[in-house]
C-alpha atoms as a PDB file:
ATOM      1  CA  UNK A   1     -16.472 -21.276   8.371  1.00  0.00           C
ATOM      2  CA  UNK A   2     -14.651 -18.190   7.153  1.00  0.00           C
ATOM      3  CA  UNK A   3     -12.680 -16.011   9.562  1.00  0.00           C
ATOM      4  CA  UNK A   4     -14.708 -13.000   8.379  1.00  0.00           C
ATOM      5  CA  UNK A   5     -18.417 -12.924   7.703  1.00  0.00           C
ATOM      6  CA  UNK A   6     -17.849 -10.641   4.718  1.00  0.00           C
ATOM      7  CA  UNK A   7     -14.822  -9.433   2.814  1.00  0.00           C
ATOM      8  CA  UNK A   8     -15.100  -6.142   0.915  1.00  0.00           C
ATOM      9  CA  UNK A   9     -12.460  -5.557  -1.749  1.00  0.00           C
ATOM     10  CA  UNK A  10     -11.953  -2.036  -3.107  1.00  0.00           C
ATOM     11  CA  UNK A  11     -10.022  -1.820  -6.349  1.00  0.00           C
ATOM     12  CA  UNK A  12      -7.404   0.868  -5.756  1.00  0.00           C
ATOM     13  CA  UNK A  13      -5.340   0.145  -8.850  1.00  0.00           C
ATOM     14  CA  UNK A  14      -3.406   3.020 -10.396  1.00  0.00           C
ATOM     15  CA  UNK A  15      -2.310   2.509 -13.981  1.00  0.00           C
ATOM     16  CA  UNK A  16       0.979   4.142 -14.870  1.00  0.00           C
ATOM     17  CA  UNK A  17       0.095   4.651 -18.530  1.00  0.00           C
ATOM     18  CA  UNK A  18      -2.802   7.014 -17.750  1.00  0.00           C
ATOM     19  CA  UNK A  19      -5.468   4.508 -18.754  1.00  0.00           C
ATOM     20  CA  UNK A  20      -8.811   4.458 -16.964  1.00  0.00           C
ATOM     21  CA  UNK A  21      -8.476   2.978 -13.494  1.00  0.00           C
ATOM     22  CA  UNK A  22     -10.332   3.012 -10.195  1.00  0.00           C
ATOM     23  CA  UNK A  23      -7.798   5.087  -8.309  1.00  0.00           C
ATOM     24  CA  UNK A  24      -8.429   7.970 -10.727  1.00  0.00           C
ATOM     25  CA  UNK A  25     -11.796   8.173  -8.925  1.00  0.00           C
ATOM     26  CA  UNK A  26     -10.279   8.562  -5.439  1.00  0.00           C
ATOM     27  CA  UNK A  27     -10.701   4.848  -4.732  1.00  0.00           C
ATOM     28  CA  UNK A  28      -8.041   4.754  -1.990  1.00  0.00           C
ATOM     29  CA  UNK A  29      -9.634   7.680  -0.167  1.00  0.00           C
ATOM     30  CA  UNK A  30     -13.085   6.090  -0.372  1.00  0.00           C
ATOM     31  CA  UNK A  31     -11.712   2.716   0.759  1.00  0.00           C
ATOM     32  CA  UNK A  32     -10.055   4.372   3.761  1.00  0.00           C
ATOM     33  CA  UNK A  33     -13.372   6.076   4.541  1.00  0.00           C
ATOM     34  CA  UNK A  34     -15.242   2.748   4.366  1.00  0.00           C
ATOM     35  CA  UNK A  35     -12.738   1.085   6.688  1.00  0.00           C
ATOM     36  CA  UNK A  36     -13.125   3.925   9.187  1.00  0.00           C
ATOM     37  CA  UNK A  37     -16.928   3.692   8.994  1.00  0.00           C
ATOM     38  CA  UNK A  38     -16.944  -0.080   9.538  1.00  0.00           C
ATOM     39  CA  UNK A  39     -14.665   0.327  12.565  1.00  0.00           C
ATOM     40  CA  UNK A  40     -16.766   3.145  14.022  1.00  0.00           C
ATOM     41  CA  UNK A  41     -19.895   0.993  13.658  1.00  0.00           C
ATOM     42  CA  UNK A  42     -18.052  -1.823  15.466  1.00  0.00           C
ATOM     43  CA  UNK A  43     -18.561  -4.111  12.479  1.00  0.00           C
ATOM     44  CA  UNK A  44     -14.880  -4.998  11.974  1.00  0.00           C
ATOM     45  CA  UNK A  45     -12.885  -7.921  13.283  1.00  0.00           C
ATOM     46  CA  UNK A  46     -13.117 -11.681  13.487  1.00  0.00           C
ATOM     47  CA  UNK A  47     -16.517 -12.998  12.472  1.00  0.00           C
ATOM     48  CA  UNK A  48     -17.492  -9.598  11.104  1.00  0.00           C
ATOM     49  CA  UNK A  49     -16.478  -7.440   8.125  1.00  0.00           C
ATOM     50  CA  UNK A  50     -13.040  -6.886   6.605  1.00  0.00           C
ATOM     51  CA  UNK A  51     -12.313  -3.977   4.242  1.00  0.00           C
ATOM     52  CA  UNK A  52      -9.363  -4.671   1.918  1.00  0.00           C
ATOM     53  CA  UNK A  53      -7.417  -3.047  -0.887  1.00  0.00           C
ATOM     54  CA  UNK A  54      -7.369  -4.931  -4.158  1.00  0.00           C
ATOM     55  CA  UNK A  55      -5.250  -4.540  -7.218  1.00  0.00           C
ATOM     56  CA  UNK A  56      -6.946  -4.408 -10.583  1.00  0.00           C
ATOM     57  CA  UNK A  57     -10.242  -6.275 -10.584  1.00  0.00           C
ATOM     58  CA  UNK A  58     -10.362  -5.942 -14.394  1.00  0.00           C
ATOM     59  CA  UNK A  59     -13.658  -4.026 -14.526  1.00  0.00           C
ATOM     60  CA  UNK A  60     -12.158  -0.553 -14.944  1.00  0.00           C
ATOM     61  CA  UNK A  61     -14.755   0.508 -17.484  1.00  0.00           C
ATOM     62  CA  UNK A  62     -17.415   0.076 -14.775  1.00  0.00           C
ATOM     63  CA  UNK A  63     -15.330   1.593 -12.013  1.00  0.00           C
ATOM     64  CA  UNK A  64     -14.595   2.458  -9.448  1.00  0.00           C
ATOM     65  CA  UNK A  65     -15.555  -1.008  -8.252  1.00  0.00           C
ATOM     66  CA  UNK A  66     -15.854  -3.075  -5.114  1.00  0.00           C
ATOM     67  CA  UNK A  67     -16.780  -6.701  -4.667  1.00  0.00           C
ATOM     68  CA  UNK A  68     -18.249  -8.251  -1.531  1.00  0.00           C
ATOM     69  CA  UNK A  69     -17.649 -11.902  -0.652  1.00  0.00           C
ATOM     70  CA  UNK A  70     -19.006 -14.444   0.018  1.00  0.00           C
ATOM     71  CA  UNK A  71     -22.016 -13.022  -1.841  1.00  0.00           C
ATOM     72  CA  UNK A  72     -19.924 -12.200  -4.943  1.00  0.00           C
ATOM     73  CA  UNK A  73     -21.793  -8.901  -5.306  1.00  0.00           C
ATOM     74  CA  UNK A  74     -20.128  -6.250  -7.453  1.00  0.00           C
ATOM     75  CA  UNK A  75     -20.794  -2.550  -7.011  1.00  0.00           C
ATOM     76  CA  UNK A  76     -19.711   0.730  -8.460  1.00  0.00           C
ATOM     77  CA  UNK A  77     -19.951   4.010  -6.571  1.00  0.00           C
ATOM     78  CA  UNK A  78     -19.624   7.725  -7.163  1.00  0.00           C
ATOM     79  CA  UNK A  79     -18.981   9.071  -3.687  1.00  0.00           C
ATOM     80  CA  UNK A  80     -18.887   8.348   0.030  1.00  0.00           C
ATOM     81  CA  UNK A  81     -22.678   8.581   0.231  1.00  0.00           C
ATOM     82  CA  UNK A  82     -22.932   5.586  -2.140  1.00  0.00           C
ATOM     83  CA  UNK A  83     -20.532   3.657   0.097  1.00  0.00           C
ATOM     84  CA  UNK A  84     -22.606   4.617   3.153  1.00  0.00           C
ATOM     85  CA  UNK A  85     -25.642   3.152   1.388  1.00  0.00           C
ATOM     86  CA  UNK A  86     -23.764  -0.083   0.617  1.00  0.00           C
ATOM     87  CA  UNK A  87     -22.672  -0.320   4.260  1.00  0.00           C
ATOM     88  CA  UNK A  88     -26.182   0.303   5.590  1.00  0.00           C
ATOM     89  CA  UNK A  89     -28.156  -1.765   3.134  1.00  0.00           C
ATOM     90  CA  UNK A  90     -25.864  -4.609   2.111  1.00  0.00           C
ATOM     91  CA  UNK A  91     -23.418  -5.062   4.957  1.00  0.00           C
ATOM     92  CA  UNK A  92     -25.722  -4.258   7.869  1.00  0.00           C
ATOM     93  CA  UNK A  93     -29.100  -5.373   6.514  1.00  0.00           C
ATOM     94  CA  UNK A  94     -28.291  -7.963   3.850  1.00  0.00           C
ATOM     95  CA  UNK A  95     -30.087  -6.120   1.027  1.00  0.00           C
ATOM     96  CA  UNK A  96     -28.430  -5.633  -2.359  1.00  0.00           C
ATOM     97  CA  UNK A  97     -28.259  -2.016  -3.505  1.00  0.00           C
ATOM     98  CA  UNK A  98     -29.620  -2.587  -6.996  1.00  0.00           C
ATOM     99  CA  UNK A  99     -28.894   0.912  -8.313  1.00  0.00           C
ATOM    100  CA  UNK A 100     -25.144   0.451  -7.661  1.00  0.00           C
ATOM    101  CA  UNK A 101     -24.857  -3.206  -8.606  1.00  0.00           C
ATOM    102  CA  UNK A 102     -22.822  -4.100 -11.702  1.00  0.00           C
END
């Protein structure tokens, strides 16, 4: 059994050459927001949910992106409200958010 029930990886890659990347879309800020939300909902810790930074997930053209394991579900998002929906629907209730899935 895994130490965490779910692992959420936010791509926060910043490309030095100015190419398209997730961090151009405030990915670090949104990741920090998600981590705070998960903690405030008491969903973090052993046997629960872990929010992590990730380097390039190589899907920049669909970004910003996150991937949730063990489900292997990939999402894009526009703002914090999209992340709130992913937290509520996917992480809390086990339902894929089809409109954000990539």
